[in-house]
Amino acid sequence: MSNLTDTTKLHSLRDGRSTAREILRHVYRALQSKGYDPITQITGFILTGDPTYVTSYDNARSMICRLERDEILEELVAFYTSENFDK
């Protein structure tokens, strides 16, 4: 019998691996480099979970797949609110 629980956890990436912010920055730049609209492509990935929204160029797809979609959304909301409401 498994010891897994049915709880949902948000995981921090602060253990030496790339942070969600760093990964998003890298993915954004890779998408721009290939001529894609990064906002549209990242939004598509968040909504669907389909990794083909992100280019494999410069390892961007495998990097974004290291993150849970809720981690990406949390990072985006935190950044948006800190830039617009915490001033």
N, C-alpha and C. Protein backbone atom coordinates (compact mmCIF):
# COMPACT_ATOMS: atom_id res chain seq x y z
N MET A 1 0.84 -1.18 0.00
CA MET A 1 0.00 0.00 0.00
C MET A 1 0.88 1.24 0.00
N SER A 2 0.50 2.25 -0.73
CA SER A 2 1.27 3.47 -0.89
C SER A 2 1.08 4.42 0.29
N ASN A 3 2.11 5.19 0.60
CA ASN A 3 2.02 6.19 1.65
C ASN A 3 1.67 7.56 1.10
N LEU A 4 1.30 7.65 -0.15
CA LEU A 4 0.96 8.93 -0.76
C LEU A 4 -0.36 9.44 -0.21
N THR A 5 -0.44 10.76 -0.07
CA THR A 5 -1.69 11.36 0.37
C THR A 5 -2.34 12.06 -0.81
N ASP A 6 -3.59 12.42 -0.65
CA ASP A 6 -4.32 13.10 -1.71
C ASP A 6 -4.34 14.61 -1.48
N THR A 7 -3.31 15.16 -0.91
CA THR A 7 -3.26 16.60 -0.68
C THR A 7 -2.47 17.29 -1.78
N THR A 8 -2.79 18.54 -1.98
CA THR A 8 -2.10 19.35 -2.97
C THR A 8 -1.13 20.25 -2.24
N LYS A 9 0.09 20.31 -2.74
CA LYS A 9 1.11 21.16 -2.13
C LYS A 9 1.69 22.08 -3.19
N LEU A 10 2.03 23.28 -2.75
CA LEU A 10 2.81 24.18 -3.60
C LEU A 10 4.26 23.98 -3.20
N HIS A 11 5.11 23.72 -4.17
CA HIS A 11 6.50 23.44 -3.89
C HIS A 11 7.36 24.66 -4.21
N SER A 12 8.25 24.97 -3.35
CA SER A 12 9.19 26.05 -3.58
C SER A 12 10.37 25.52 -4.39
N LEU A 13 10.90 26.35 -5.26
CA LEU A 13 12.05 25.96 -6.06
C LEU A 13 13.32 26.58 -5.50
N ARG A 14 13.34 26.91 -4.24
CA ARG A 14 14.45 27.62 -3.63
C ARG A 14 15.55 26.68 -3.14
N ASP A 15 15.60 25.46 -3.60
CA ASP A 15 16.57 24.48 -3.12
C ASP A 15 17.81 24.39 -4.02
N GLY A 16 18.13 25.45 -4.71
CA GLY A 16 19.31 25.45 -5.56
C GLY A 16 19.00 25.30 -7.03
N ARG A 17 17.83 24.83 -7.36
CA ARG A 17 17.44 24.74 -8.77
C ARG A 17 17.00 26.12 -9.24
N SER A 18 16.76 26.24 -10.52
CA SER A 18 16.28 27.50 -11.07
C SER A 18 14.93 27.86 -10.46
N THR A 19 14.74 29.14 -10.21
CA THR A 19 13.45 29.58 -9.69
C THR A 19 12.44 29.68 -10.82
N ALA A 20 11.18 29.73 -10.46
CA ALA A 20 10.13 29.88 -11.47
C ALA A 20 10.35 31.16 -12.27
N ARG A 21 10.78 32.22 -11.61
CA ARG A 21 11.03 33.49 -12.30
C ARG A 21 12.15 33.33 -13.34
N GLU A 22 13.22 32.66 -12.96
CA GLU A 22 14.33 32.46 -13.89
C GLU A 22 13.91 31.60 -15.08
N ILE A 23 13.14 30.57 -14.81
CA ILE A 23 12.67 29.71 -15.89
C ILE A 23 11.75 30.47 -16.82
N LEU A 24 10.82 31.25 -16.27
CA LEU A 24 9.91 32.03 -17.10
C LEU A 24 10.68 33.05 -17.94
N ARG A 25 11.67 33.67 -17.37
CA ARG A 25 12.50 34.64 -18.11
C ARG A 25 13.19 33.93 -19.28
N HIS A 26 13.76 32.76 -19.03
CA HIS A 26 14.45 32.00 -20.07
C HIS A 26 13.47 31.57 -21.18
N VAL A 27 12.31 31.05 -20.78
CA VAL A 27 11.31 30.61 -21.75
C VAL A 27 10.81 31.79 -22.58
N TYR A 28 10.56 32.92 -21.93
CA TYR A 28 10.10 34.13 -22.62
C TYR A 28 11.10 34.53 -23.70
N ARG A 29 12.37 34.55 -23.35
CA ARG A 29 13.41 34.95 -24.30
C ARG A 29 13.56 33.94 -25.43
N ALA A 30 13.44 32.67 -25.12
CA ALA A 30 13.52 31.64 -26.17
C ALA A 30 12.37 31.77 -27.16
N LEU A 31 11.17 32.01 -26.63
CA LEU A 31 10.01 32.19 -27.51
C LEU A 31 10.19 33.43 -28.39
N GLN A 32 10.67 34.52 -27.81
CA GLN A 32 10.93 35.73 -28.59
C GLN A 32 11.96 35.46 -29.69
N SER A 33 13.02 34.75 -29.33
CA SER A 33 14.09 34.46 -30.29
C SER A 33 13.58 33.69 -31.50
N LYS A 34 12.60 32.84 -31.28
CA LYS A 34 12.05 32.04 -32.38
C LYS A 34 10.90 32.74 -33.10
N GLY A 35 10.58 33.98 -32.68
CA GLY A 35 9.55 34.75 -33.38
C GLY A 35 8.13 34.53 -32.88
N TYR A 36 7.97 33.86 -31.76
CA TYR A 36 6.64 33.63 -31.18
C TYR A 36 6.25 34.78 -30.25
N ASP A 37 4.96 34.95 -30.02
CA ASP A 37 4.47 35.89 -29.02
C ASP A 37 4.52 35.18 -27.67
N PRO A 38 5.46 35.54 -26.80
CA PRO A 38 5.64 34.81 -25.53
C PRO A 38 4.40 34.83 -24.64
N ILE A 39 3.67 35.94 -24.62
CA ILE A 39 2.48 36.03 -23.77
C ILE A 39 1.43 35.00 -24.22
N THR A 40 1.17 34.96 -25.51
CA THR A 40 0.19 34.02 -26.05
C THR A 40 0.62 32.58 -25.81
N GLN A 41 1.88 32.29 -26.05
CA GLN A 41 2.36 30.92 -25.93
C GLN A 41 2.38 30.45 -24.47
N ILE A 42 2.86 31.28 -23.57
CA ILE A 42 2.89 30.89 -22.15
C ILE A 42 1.48 30.77 -21.61
N THR A 43 0.59 31.67 -22.02
CA THR A 43 -0.82 31.58 -21.61
C THR A 43 -1.43 30.27 -22.09
N GLY A 44 -1.17 29.91 -23.33
CA GLY A 44 -1.68 28.64 -23.86
C GLY A 44 -1.17 27.46 -23.06
N PHE A 45 0.10 27.49 -22.69
CA PHE A 45 0.66 26.41 -21.88
C PHE A 45 -0.01 26.33 -20.51
N ILE A 46 -0.19 27.48 -19.86
CA ILE A 46 -0.81 27.49 -18.54
C ILE A 46 -2.24 26.96 -18.61
N LEU A 47 -2.99 27.39 -19.60
CA LEU A 47 -4.40 26.98 -19.71
C LEU A 47 -4.57 25.50 -20.05
N THR A 48 -3.70 24.98 -20.90
CA THR A 48 -3.91 23.62 -21.41
C THR A 48 -2.95 22.57 -20.84
N GLY A 49 -1.77 23.02 -20.43
CA GLY A 49 -0.74 22.07 -20.01
C GLY A 49 -0.03 21.41 -21.17
N ASP A 50 -0.34 21.84 -22.38
CA ASP A 50 0.26 21.26 -23.58
C ASP A 50 1.65 21.86 -23.80
N PRO A 51 2.71 21.08 -23.64
CA PRO A 51 4.06 21.62 -23.75
C PRO A 51 4.44 22.09 -25.14
N THR A 52 3.65 21.73 -26.16
CA THR A 52 4.01 22.18 -27.50
C THR A 52 3.77 23.67 -27.70
N TYR A 53 3.14 24.34 -26.74
CA TYR A 53 3.04 25.80 -26.80
C TYR A 53 4.39 26.46 -26.61
N VAL A 54 5.36 25.73 -26.06
CA VAL A 54 6.68 26.28 -25.77
C VAL A 54 7.70 25.61 -26.68
N THR A 55 8.50 26.42 -27.30
CA THR A 55 9.54 25.92 -28.20
C THR A 55 10.55 25.06 -27.44
N SER A 56 11.10 24.10 -28.14
CA SER A 56 12.17 23.30 -27.54
C SER A 56 13.52 24.00 -27.67
N TYR A 57 13.54 25.11 -28.42
CA TYR A 57 14.76 25.89 -28.62
C TYR A 57 15.38 26.28 -27.28
N ASP A 58 16.65 26.10 -27.15
CA ASP A 58 17.43 26.47 -25.97
C ASP A 58 16.89 25.81 -24.69
N ASN A 59 16.34 24.61 -24.85
CA ASN A 59 15.86 23.80 -23.73
C ASN A 59 14.66 24.40 -22.99
N ALA A 60 13.97 25.35 -23.63
CA ALA A 60 12.87 26.06 -22.97
C ALA A 60 11.71 25.13 -22.59
N ARG A 61 11.35 24.21 -23.46
CA ARG A 61 10.23 23.32 -23.17
C ARG A 61 10.51 22.43 -21.97
N SER A 62 11.68 21.84 -21.93
CA SER A 62 11.97 20.96 -20.80
C SER A 62 12.08 21.76 -19.51
N MET A 63 12.54 23.00 -19.59
CA MET A 63 12.63 23.83 -18.38
C MET A 63 11.24 24.17 -17.84
N ILE A 64 10.33 24.58 -18.71
CA ILE A 64 9.00 24.95 -18.22
C ILE A 64 8.24 23.73 -17.71
N CYS A 65 8.56 22.57 -18.26
CA CYS A 65 7.88 21.35 -17.80
C CYS A 65 8.35 20.91 -16.41
N ARG A 66 9.42 21.50 -15.90
CA ARG A 66 9.85 21.24 -14.53
C ARG A 66 8.93 21.88 -13.51
N LEU A 67 8.16 22.87 -13.97
CA LEU A 67 7.27 23.61 -13.08
C LEU A 67 5.85 23.07 -13.18
N GLU A 68 5.14 23.16 -12.09
CA GLU A 68 3.70 22.91 -12.11
C GLU A 68 3.04 24.19 -12.62
N ARG A 69 1.91 24.05 -13.29
CA ARG A 69 1.24 25.24 -13.81
C ARG A 69 0.83 26.18 -12.69
N ASP A 70 0.46 25.66 -11.52
CA ASP A 70 0.10 26.54 -10.41
C ASP A 70 1.31 27.34 -9.91
N GLU A 71 2.51 26.78 -10.03
CA GLU A 71 3.72 27.51 -9.66
C GLU A 71 3.95 28.69 -10.60
N ILE A 72 3.70 28.46 -11.88
CA ILE A 72 3.86 29.53 -12.87
C ILE A 72 2.85 30.63 -12.60
N LEU A 73 1.61 30.25 -12.40
CA LEU A 73 0.56 31.23 -12.13
C LEU A 73 0.84 32.01 -10.85
N GLU A 74 1.30 31.32 -9.82
CA GLU A 74 1.64 31.98 -8.56
C GLU A 74 2.75 33.01 -8.78
N GLU A 75 3.77 32.65 -9.54
CA GLU A 75 4.87 33.58 -9.82
C GLU A 75 4.38 34.79 -10.59
N LEU A 76 3.53 34.57 -11.58
CA LEU A 76 3.02 35.67 -12.38
C LEU A 76 2.15 36.62 -11.55
N VAL A 77 1.29 36.07 -10.71
CA VAL A 77 0.43 36.90 -9.86
C VAL A 77 1.28 37.67 -8.85
N ALA A 78 2.26 37.00 -8.24
CA ALA A 78 3.14 37.67 -7.27
C ALA A 78 3.88 38.82 -7.93
N PHE A 79 4.42 38.60 -9.12
CA PHE A 79 5.14 39.65 -9.82
C PHE A 79 4.21 40.80 -10.18
N TYR A 80 3.04 40.48 -10.72
CA TYR A 80 2.09 41.51 -11.13
C TYR A 80 1.66 42.36 -9.94
N THR A 81 1.31 41.72 -8.86
CA THR A 81 0.84 42.47 -7.70
C THR A 81 1.96 43.30 -7.07
N SER A 82 3.18 42.77 -7.03
CA SER A 82 4.29 43.53 -6.45
C SER A 82 4.60 44.76 -7.30
N GLU A 83 4.43 44.67 -8.61
CA GLU A 83 4.70 45.79 -9.49
C GLU A 83 3.56 46.81 -9.52
N ASN A 84 2.35 46.39 -9.21
CA ASN A 84 1.20 47.27 -9.38
C ASN A 84 0.51 47.68 -8.09
N PHE A 85 0.67 46.92 -7.02
CA PHE A 85 -0.09 47.21 -5.82
C PHE A 85 0.78 47.50 -4.60
N ASP A 86 2.02 47.10 -4.61
CA ASP A 86 2.89 47.26 -3.44
C ASP A 86 3.71 48.54 -3.47
N LYS A 87 3.30 49.50 -4.25
CA LYS A 87 4.07 50.76 -4.36
C LYS A 87 3.40 51.86 -3.58
